[in-house]
Amino acid sequence: MLSLIQIARFFHDLAFTTWIGSMIFMMLVLTPAVGGKGIPPQFLRLMGIERFKSWAWASIAVLAVTGIYRLYGRFYMFDLFVMSRYGKLMLLKLSLFIIMVLLTAIVSLSYAKRIPAEAPQRPGEQPTPEFSRMQRRFITFSALNLALGVTILFIMAIIR
């Protein structure tokens, strides 16, 4: 029979995989497909950007809940926790996670809403400089977020 900690670990890993997998799909498939090609905002919505945003925030919530649950038993003596190799790596992981959540908030609450509104309205129409600037920032923040996620994955490989 599975223990509660094993179930929490499964959902933690599933949420992380969903979040990182969505980022990889966005960076490797959606972003190059859209490019600066004047894709109408209706098509951006059809491509599922809003759906990815919902999955990202659901994954973050599951990661926070399961992460706190899994960490709770190990955190009883903060001084010993911080002095251990595991504790140092875990604090680094938590710091990177917080940065990722902040970047996700910037991308999903600001750029994901504004980019479709600024996008060229008809195929072939040239994008405005503001649209191009927002798109570059969106790509930069998304790439940075993905790099942080891969770093967390590497840290988890070391911890396990």
N, C-alpha and C. Protein backbone atom coordinates (compact mmCIF):
# COMPACT_ATOMS: atom_id res chain seq x y z
N MET A 1 0.84 -1.18 0.00
CA MET A 1 0.00 0.00 0.00
C MET A 1 0.88 1.24 0.00
N LEU A 2 0.48 2.22 -0.76
CA LEU A 2 1.25 3.45 -0.85
C LEU A 2 1.06 4.31 0.40
N SER A 3 2.14 4.91 0.83
CA SER A 3 2.05 5.84 1.95
C SER A 3 1.65 7.22 1.45
N LEU A 4 1.24 8.07 2.36
CA LEU A 4 0.85 9.43 2.00
C LEU A 4 2.03 10.20 1.42
N ILE A 5 3.23 9.95 1.93
CA ILE A 5 4.41 10.65 1.43
C ILE A 5 4.73 10.21 -0.01
N GLN A 6 4.49 8.94 -0.34
CA GLN A 6 4.71 8.46 -1.71
C GLN A 6 3.69 9.08 -2.67
N ILE A 7 2.47 9.19 -2.22
CA ILE A 7 1.43 9.82 -3.05
C ILE A 7 1.76 11.29 -3.27
N ALA A 8 2.21 11.97 -2.20
CA ALA A 8 2.60 13.38 -2.33
C ALA A 8 3.77 13.52 -3.30
N ARG A 9 4.73 12.61 -3.21
CA ARG A 9 5.88 12.66 -4.12
C ARG A 9 5.43 12.47 -5.57
N PHE A 10 4.52 11.53 -5.80
CA PHE A 10 4.01 11.31 -7.16
C PHE A 10 3.36 12.58 -7.71
N PHE A 11 2.45 13.18 -6.94
CA PHE A 11 1.77 14.39 -7.42
C PHE A 11 2.73 15.57 -7.54
N HIS A 12 3.74 15.63 -6.68
CA HIS A 12 4.76 16.67 -6.77
C HIS A 12 5.52 16.53 -8.09
N ASP A 13 5.96 15.32 -8.37
CA ASP A 13 6.70 15.06 -9.61
C ASP A 13 5.82 15.28 -10.84
N LEU A 14 4.56 14.87 -10.77
CA LEU A 14 3.63 15.06 -11.88
C LEU A 14 3.40 16.55 -12.15
N ALA A 15 3.22 17.33 -11.10
CA ALA A 15 3.00 18.77 -11.27
C ALA A 15 4.24 19.44 -11.86
N PHE A 16 5.42 19.05 -11.37
CA PHE A 16 6.65 19.63 -11.90
C PHE A 16 6.82 19.27 -13.37
N THR A 17 6.55 18.02 -13.72
CA THR A 17 6.66 17.58 -15.10
C THR A 17 5.67 18.34 -15.99
N THR A 18 4.47 18.54 -15.51
CA THR A 18 3.46 19.29 -16.27
C THR A 18 3.91 20.72 -16.50
N TRP A 19 4.41 21.36 -15.45
CA TRP A 19 4.84 22.76 -15.55
C TRP A 19 6.02 22.89 -16.52
N ILE A 20 7.05 22.08 -16.33
CA ILE A 20 8.23 22.15 -17.18
C ILE A 20 7.89 21.70 -18.60
N GLY A 21 7.08 20.66 -18.74
CA GLY A 21 6.69 20.19 -20.06
C GLY A 21 5.94 21.26 -20.84
N SER A 22 5.07 22.00 -20.15
CA SER A 22 4.35 23.10 -20.81
C SER A 22 5.32 24.19 -21.25
N MET A 23 6.31 24.48 -20.42
CA MET A 23 7.30 25.50 -20.80
C MET A 23 8.10 25.05 -22.02
N ILE A 24 8.49 23.78 -22.03
CA ILE A 24 9.26 23.27 -23.17
C ILE A 24 8.41 23.34 -24.44
N PHE A 25 7.14 22.96 -24.35
CA PHE A 25 6.26 23.03 -25.51
C PHE A 25 6.11 24.47 -26.00
N MET A 26 5.92 25.39 -25.06
CA MET A 26 5.79 26.80 -25.43
C MET A 26 7.05 27.30 -26.13
N MET A 27 8.22 26.94 -25.58
CA MET A 27 9.48 27.45 -26.14
C MET A 27 9.85 26.79 -27.47
N LEU A 28 9.60 25.50 -27.60
CA LEU A 28 10.05 24.77 -28.78
C LEU A 28 9.01 24.68 -29.90
N VAL A 29 7.72 24.85 -29.56
CA VAL A 29 6.69 24.70 -30.57
C VAL A 29 5.90 26.00 -30.80
N LEU A 30 5.27 26.50 -29.75
CA LEU A 30 4.39 27.67 -29.94
C LEU A 30 5.15 28.94 -30.30
N THR A 31 6.22 29.22 -29.58
CA THR A 31 6.96 30.47 -29.83
C THR A 31 7.51 30.53 -31.25
N PRO A 32 8.19 29.49 -31.74
CA PRO A 32 8.66 29.55 -33.13
C PRO A 32 7.51 29.59 -34.14
N ALA A 33 6.38 28.96 -33.82
CA ALA A 33 5.25 28.96 -34.75
C ALA A 33 4.67 30.36 -34.89
N VAL A 34 4.64 31.10 -33.79
CA VAL A 34 4.08 32.44 -33.83
C VAL A 34 5.10 33.43 -34.38
N GLY A 35 6.33 33.35 -33.85
CA GLY A 35 7.38 34.26 -34.33
C GLY A 35 6.90 35.68 -34.38
N GLY A 36 7.24 36.41 -35.40
CA GLY A 36 6.75 37.76 -35.61
C GLY A 36 5.91 37.79 -36.86
N LYS A 37 5.21 36.70 -37.13
CA LYS A 37 4.55 36.50 -38.42
C LYS A 37 3.17 37.12 -38.53
N GLY A 38 2.76 37.88 -37.59
CA GLY A 38 1.46 38.51 -37.69
C GLY A 38 0.31 37.53 -37.48
N ILE A 39 0.44 36.67 -36.50
CA ILE A 39 -0.62 35.71 -36.19
C ILE A 39 -1.75 36.46 -35.50
N PRO A 40 -3.00 36.32 -35.98
CA PRO A 40 -4.11 37.03 -35.33
C PRO A 40 -4.32 36.55 -33.88
N PRO A 41 -4.79 37.44 -33.00
CA PRO A 41 -4.99 37.08 -31.60
C PRO A 41 -5.95 35.90 -31.42
N GLN A 42 -6.93 35.76 -32.32
CA GLN A 42 -7.86 34.64 -32.21
C GLN A 42 -7.10 33.31 -32.33
N PHE A 43 -6.10 33.27 -33.21
CA PHE A 43 -5.31 32.06 -33.39
C PHE A 43 -4.46 31.79 -32.16
N LEU A 44 -3.93 32.84 -31.54
CA LEU A 44 -3.16 32.66 -30.31
C LEU A 44 -4.02 32.01 -29.24
N ARG A 45 -5.27 32.44 -29.14
CA ARG A 45 -6.18 31.84 -28.15
C ARG A 45 -6.46 30.38 -28.51
N LEU A 46 -6.65 30.10 -29.80
CA LEU A 46 -6.91 28.73 -30.22
C LEU A 46 -5.71 27.82 -29.95
N MET A 47 -4.51 28.37 -29.96
CA MET A 47 -3.31 27.57 -29.73
C MET A 47 -3.21 27.13 -28.27
N GLY A 48 -4.03 27.68 -27.43
CA GLY A 48 -4.11 27.18 -26.06
C GLY A 48 -3.26 27.91 -25.05
N ILE A 49 -2.88 29.14 -25.32
CA ILE A 49 -2.04 29.87 -24.38
C ILE A 49 -2.74 30.01 -23.03
N GLU A 50 -4.03 30.30 -23.05
CA GLU A 50 -4.78 30.41 -21.79
C GLU A 50 -4.81 29.08 -21.05
N ARG A 51 -4.93 27.99 -21.80
CA ARG A 51 -4.95 26.66 -21.18
C ARG A 51 -3.62 26.36 -20.50
N PHE A 52 -2.52 26.73 -21.16
CA PHE A 52 -1.21 26.51 -20.55
C PHE A 52 -1.07 27.31 -19.26
N LYS A 53 -1.60 28.51 -19.27
CA LYS A 53 -1.54 29.35 -18.08
C LYS A 53 -2.29 28.69 -16.92
N SER A 54 -3.45 28.13 -17.18
CA SER A 54 -4.23 27.46 -16.14
C SER A 54 -3.48 26.25 -15.59
N TRP A 55 -2.89 25.46 -16.48
CA TRP A 55 -2.13 24.29 -16.03
C TRP A 55 -0.90 24.71 -15.24
N ALA A 56 -0.27 25.79 -15.65
CA ALA A 56 0.92 26.26 -14.91
C ALA A 56 0.54 26.63 -13.48
N TRP A 57 -0.53 27.39 -13.30
CA TRP A 57 -0.91 27.82 -11.95
C TRP A 57 -1.42 26.65 -11.11
N ALA A 58 -2.11 25.71 -11.73
CA ALA A 58 -2.54 24.51 -11.00
C ALA A 58 -1.32 23.71 -10.56
N SER A 59 -0.34 23.60 -11.44
CA SER A 59 0.90 22.88 -11.10
C SER A 59 1.63 23.56 -9.96
N ILE A 60 1.69 24.88 -9.99
CA ILE A 60 2.36 25.62 -8.92
C ILE A 60 1.66 25.37 -7.58
N ALA A 61 0.33 25.37 -7.59
CA ALA A 61 -0.41 25.12 -6.34
C ALA A 61 -0.13 23.72 -5.82
N VAL A 62 -0.14 22.72 -6.70
CA VAL A 62 0.15 21.34 -6.27
C VAL A 62 1.58 21.24 -5.76
N LEU A 63 2.52 21.88 -6.46
CA LEU A 63 3.92 21.86 -6.01
C LEU A 63 4.07 22.48 -4.63
N ALA A 64 3.40 23.58 -4.39
CA ALA A 64 3.51 24.24 -3.08
C ALA A 64 2.95 23.36 -1.97
N VAL A 65 1.77 22.81 -2.19
CA VAL A 65 1.13 21.99 -1.15
C VAL A 65 1.93 20.72 -0.89
N THR A 66 2.26 19.99 -1.95
CA THR A 66 2.99 18.73 -1.76
C THR A 66 4.41 18.98 -1.28
N GLY A 67 5.01 20.06 -1.73
CA GLY A 67 6.37 20.38 -1.28
C GLY A 67 6.43 20.70 0.20
N ILE A 68 5.48 21.48 0.67
CA ILE A 68 5.42 21.80 2.10
C ILE A 68 5.17 20.53 2.90
N TYR A 69 4.27 19.68 2.42
CA TYR A 69 3.97 18.43 3.12
C TYR A 69 5.21 17.54 3.20
N ARG A 70 5.92 17.42 2.08
CA ARG A 70 7.10 16.55 2.04
C ARG A 70 8.25 17.12 2.87
N LEU A 71 8.35 18.42 2.95
CA LEU A 71 9.45 19.06 3.67
C LEU A 71 9.18 19.15 5.17
N TYR A 72 7.93 19.13 5.56
CA TYR A 72 7.54 19.35 6.95
C TYR A 72 8.29 18.45 7.93
N GLY A 73 8.41 17.18 7.64
CA GLY A 73 9.06 16.25 8.55
C GLY A 73 10.56 16.47 8.69
N ARG A 74 11.18 17.09 7.70
CA ARG A 74 12.63 17.29 7.72
C ARG A 74 13.04 18.64 8.28
N PHE A 75 12.10 19.49 8.54
CA PHE A 75 12.39 20.88 8.87
C PHE A 75 12.28 21.17 10.35
N TYR A 76 12.30 20.16 11.21
CA TYR A 76 12.04 20.36 12.63
C TYR A 76 13.15 21.11 13.35
N MET A 77 14.41 21.01 12.88
CA MET A 77 15.51 21.77 13.50
C MET A 77 16.20 22.57 12.40
N PHE A 78 15.84 23.84 12.29
CA PHE A 78 16.29 24.67 11.18
C PHE A 78 17.81 24.72 11.09
N ASP A 79 18.52 24.86 12.20
CA ASP A 79 19.98 24.97 12.19
C ASP A 79 20.63 23.73 11.57
N LEU A 80 20.18 22.57 11.99
CA LEU A 80 20.72 21.33 11.43
C LEU A 80 20.33 21.18 9.95
N PHE A 81 19.13 21.60 9.63
CA PHE A 81 18.66 21.52 8.25
C PHE A 81 19.54 22.36 7.33
N VAL A 82 19.81 23.60 7.73
CA VAL A 82 20.60 24.52 6.92
C VAL A 82 22.05 24.07 6.81
N MET A 83 22.55 23.42 7.83
CA MET A 83 23.95 22.98 7.80
C MET A 83 24.16 21.73 6.96
N SER A 84 23.13 20.96 6.71
CA SER A 84 23.29 19.73 5.94
C SER A 84 23.35 20.05 4.44
N ARG A 85 23.95 19.15 3.69
CA ARG A 85 24.01 19.28 2.23
C ARG A 85 22.61 19.28 1.65
N TYR A 86 21.78 18.36 2.15
CA TYR A 86 20.39 18.28 1.70
C TYR A 86 19.67 19.61 1.93
N GLY A 87 19.83 20.18 3.11
CA GLY A 87 19.16 21.43 3.46
C GLY A 87 19.61 22.58 2.57
N LYS A 88 20.91 22.66 2.32
CA LYS A 88 21.41 23.73 1.45
C LYS A 88 20.86 23.61 0.04
N LEU A 89 20.86 22.38 -0.49
CA LEU A 89 20.30 22.17 -1.83
C LEU A 89 18.81 22.44 -1.85
N MET A 90 18.11 22.06 -0.79
CA MET A 90 16.67 22.29 -0.73
C MET A 90 16.36 23.79 -0.65
N LEU A 91 17.14 24.54 0.11
CA LEU A 91 16.93 26.00 0.18
C LEU A 91 17.21 26.66 -1.17
N LEU A 92 18.23 26.15 -1.88
CA LEU A 92 18.50 26.65 -3.23
C LEU A 92 17.32 26.34 -4.15
N LYS A 93 16.83 25.12 -4.06
CA LYS A 93 15.67 24.71 -4.87
C LYS A 93 14.46 25.59 -4.57
N LEU A 94 14.19 25.84 -3.30
CA LEU A 94 13.05 26.67 -2.91
C LEU A 94 13.22 28.11 -3.40
N SER A 95 14.44 28.62 -3.34
CA SER A 95 14.70 29.98 -3.83
C SER A 95 14.45 30.07 -5.34
N LEU A 96 14.93 29.08 -6.07
CA LEU A 96 14.71 29.05 -7.52
C LEU A 96 13.22 28.90 -7.84
N PHE A 97 12.52 28.09 -7.05
CA PHE A 97 11.08 27.92 -7.24
C PHE A 97 10.35 29.25 -7.06
N ILE A 98 10.71 30.00 -6.04
CA ILE A 98 10.07 31.31 -5.80
C ILE A 98 10.33 32.26 -6.96
N ILE A 99 11.57 32.26 -7.47
CA ILE A 99 11.88 33.10 -8.64
C ILE A 99 11.05 32.65 -9.84
N MET A 100 10.92 31.33 -10.02
CA MET A 100 10.10 30.82 -11.13
C MET A 100 8.65 31.24 -11.01
N VAL A 101 8.12 31.21 -9.79
CA VAL A 101 6.72 31.63 -9.59
C VAL A 101 6.57 33.12 -9.93
N LEU A 102 7.53 33.92 -9.52
CA LEU A 102 7.48 35.36 -9.85
C LEU A 102 7.56 35.59 -11.36
N LEU A 103 8.44 34.88 -12.03
CA LEU A 103 8.55 35.00 -13.49
C LEU A 103 7.26 34.52 -14.17
N THR A 104 6.69 33.44 -13.67
CA THR A 104 5.43 32.95 -14.22
C THR A 104 4.33 33.99 -14.04
N ALA A 105 4.32 34.65 -12.89
CA ALA A 105 3.33 35.70 -12.65
C ALA A 105 3.50 36.85 -13.64
N ILE A 106 4.73 37.25 -13.87
CA ILE A 106 4.99 38.34 -14.83
C ILE A 106 4.53 37.93 -16.22
N VAL A 107 4.92 36.73 -16.63
CA VAL A 107 4.58 36.26 -17.98
C VAL A 107 3.07 36.08 -18.14
N SER A 108 2.44 35.40 -17.19
CA SER A 108 1.03 35.07 -17.38
C SER A 108 0.08 36.21 -17.05
N LEU A 109 0.44 37.07 -16.12
CA LEU A 109 -0.48 38.15 -15.74
C LEU A 109 -0.26 39.41 -16.55
N SER A 110 0.90 39.56 -17.13
CA SER A 110 1.16 40.76 -17.90
C SER A 110 1.25 40.47 -19.40
N TYR A 111 2.28 39.74 -19.78
CA TYR A 111 2.55 39.56 -21.20
C TYR A 111 1.54 38.69 -21.92
N ALA A 112 1.09 37.61 -21.30
CA ALA A 112 0.14 36.72 -21.96
C ALA A 112 -1.18 37.41 -22.25
N LYS A 113 -1.53 38.41 -21.46
CA LYS A 113 -2.76 39.16 -21.71
C LYS A 113 -2.54 40.27 -22.74
N ARG A 114 -1.39 40.92 -22.68
CA ARG A 114 -1.15 42.07 -23.54
C ARG A 114 -0.71 41.70 -24.95
N ILE A 115 -0.01 40.59 -25.10
CA ILE A 115 0.50 40.22 -26.42
C ILE A 115 -0.63 39.99 -27.43
N PRO A 116 -1.67 39.20 -27.10
CA PRO A 116 -2.75 39.04 -28.09
C PRO A 116 -3.44 40.36 -28.44
N ALA A 117 -3.55 41.27 -27.48
CA ALA A 117 -4.18 42.56 -27.76
C ALA A 117 -3.33 43.42 -28.69
N GLU A 118 -2.01 43.30 -28.58
CA GLU A 118 -1.09 44.09 -29.42
C GLU A 118 -0.73 43.39 -30.72
N ALA A 119 -1.10 42.12 -30.84
CA ALA A 119 -0.72 41.34 -32.03
C ALA A 119 -1.37 41.92 -33.28
N PRO A 120 -0.69 41.76 -34.42
CA PRO A 120 -1.32 42.18 -35.68
C PRO A 120 -2.68 41.50 -35.83
N GLN A 121 -3.64 42.25 -36.32
CA GLN A 121 -5.01 41.74 -36.39
C GLN A 121 -5.29 40.90 -37.63
N ARG A 122 -4.49 41.07 -38.68
CA ARG A 122 -4.70 40.31 -39.91
C ARG A 122 -3.41 39.63 -40.32
N PRO A 123 -3.50 38.42 -40.88
CA PRO A 123 -2.28 37.75 -41.36
C PRO A 123 -1.54 38.63 -42.36
N GLY A 124 -0.23 38.68 -42.21
CA GLY A 124 0.60 39.48 -43.10
C GLY A 124 0.82 40.91 -42.63
N GLU A 125 0.01 41.38 -41.70
CA GLU A 125 0.16 42.73 -41.15
C GLU A 125 1.44 42.79 -40.32
N GLN A 126 2.19 43.85 -40.46
CA GLN A 126 3.45 43.99 -39.74
C GLN A 126 3.21 44.25 -38.25
N PRO A 127 3.97 43.57 -37.40
CA PRO A 127 3.81 43.81 -35.96
C PRO A 127 4.35 45.19 -35.57
N THR A 128 3.75 45.77 -34.54
CA THR A 128 4.21 47.06 -34.05
C THR A 128 5.50 46.86 -33.25
N PRO A 129 6.29 47.93 -33.07
CA PRO A 129 7.49 47.81 -32.24
C PRO A 129 7.16 47.38 -30.80
N GLU A 130 6.05 47.85 -30.27
CA GLU A 130 5.65 47.48 -28.90
C GLU A 130 5.36 45.98 -28.82
N PHE A 131 4.68 45.44 -29.82
CA PHE A 131 4.40 44.00 -29.86
C PHE A 131 5.71 43.21 -29.92
N SER A 132 6.61 43.62 -30.77
CA SER A 132 7.90 42.93 -30.90
C SER A 132 8.69 42.97 -29.59
N ARG A 133 8.67 44.12 -28.92
CA ARG A 133 9.36 44.27 -27.63
C ARG A 133 8.74 43.35 -26.57
N MET A 134 7.41 43.34 -26.50
CA MET A 134 6.74 42.47 -25.53
C MET A 134 7.02 41.00 -25.84
N GLN A 135 7.03 40.66 -27.11
CA GLN A 135 7.27 39.28 -27.49
C GLN A 135 8.68 38.84 -27.10
N ARG A 136 9.67 39.73 -27.32
CA ARG A 136 11.05 39.41 -26.93
C ARG A 136 11.15 39.22 -25.42
N ARG A 137 10.50 40.08 -24.64
CA ARG A 137 10.52 39.94 -23.18
C ARG A 137 9.83 38.65 -22.75
N PHE A 138 8.71 38.36 -23.37
CA PHE A 138 7.98 37.12 -23.08
C PHE A 138 8.89 35.91 -23.32
N ILE A 139 9.58 35.90 -24.44
CA ILE A 139 10.48 34.79 -24.77
C ILE A 139 11.65 34.74 -23.80
N THR A 140 12.21 35.89 -23.45
CA THR A 140 13.34 35.92 -22.51
C THR A 140 12.94 35.41 -21.14
N PHE A 141 11.82 35.91 -20.61
CA PHE A 141 11.35 35.45 -19.30
C PHE A 141 11.02 33.97 -19.33
N SER A 142 10.38 33.51 -20.40
CA SER A 142 10.02 32.10 -20.52
C SER A 142 11.26 31.22 -20.59
N ALA A 143 12.27 31.66 -21.35
CA ALA A 143 13.51 30.88 -21.45
C ALA A 143 14.24 30.84 -20.11
N LEU A 144 14.27 31.96 -19.41
CA LEU A 144 14.89 32.01 -18.09
C LEU A 144 14.16 31.08 -17.12
N ASN A 145 12.84 31.11 -17.18
CA ASN A 145 12.04 30.25 -16.32
C ASN A 145 12.32 28.77 -16.61
N LEU A 146 12.41 28.44 -17.87
CA LEU A 146 12.72 27.06 -18.25
C LEU A 146 14.11 26.65 -17.77
N ALA A 147 15.07 27.54 -17.90
CA ALA A 147 16.44 27.25 -17.42
C ALA A 147 16.44 27.03 -15.91
N LEU A 148 15.69 27.84 -15.17
CA LEU A 148 15.59 27.64 -13.72
C LEU A 148 14.94 26.30 -13.40
N GLY A 149 13.91 25.93 -14.17
CA GLY A 149 13.24 24.64 -13.96
C GLY A 149 14.18 23.47 -14.21
N VAL A 150 14.99 23.56 -15.25
CA VAL A 150 15.97 22.50 -15.53
C VAL A 150 17.02 22.46 -14.43
N THR A 151 17.39 23.61 -13.90
CA THR A 151 18.34 23.65 -12.77
C THR A 151 17.74 22.96 -11.55
N ILE A 152 16.47 23.20 -11.29
CA ILE A 152 15.80 22.52 -10.17
C ILE A 152 15.79 21.01 -10.41
N LEU A 153 15.53 20.62 -11.63
CA LEU A 153 15.54 19.19 -11.96
C LEU A 153 16.93 18.58 -11.68
N PHE A 154 17.97 19.32 -12.01
CA PHE A 154 19.34 18.86 -11.74
C PHE A 154 19.58 18.76 -10.23
N ILE A 155 19.13 19.74 -9.48
CA ILE A 155 19.27 19.72 -8.02
C ILE A 155 18.54 18.51 -7.44
N MET A 156 17.35 18.23 -7.97
CA MET A 156 16.60 17.07 -7.47
C MET A 156 17.32 15.75 -7.78
N ALA A 157 18.00 15.70 -8.91
CA ALA A 157 18.76 14.49 -9.24
C ALA A 157 19.89 14.30 -8.23
N ILE A 158 20.50 15.40 -7.79
CA ILE A 158 21.57 15.33 -6.80
C ILE A 158 21.01 14.92 -5.44
N ILE A 159 19.89 15.48 -5.05
CA ILE A 159 19.30 15.21 -3.73
C ILE A 159 18.86 13.76 -3.60
N ARG A 160 18.24 13.23 -4.64
CA ARG A 160 17.70 11.87 -4.56
C ARG A 160 18.84 10.91 -4.59
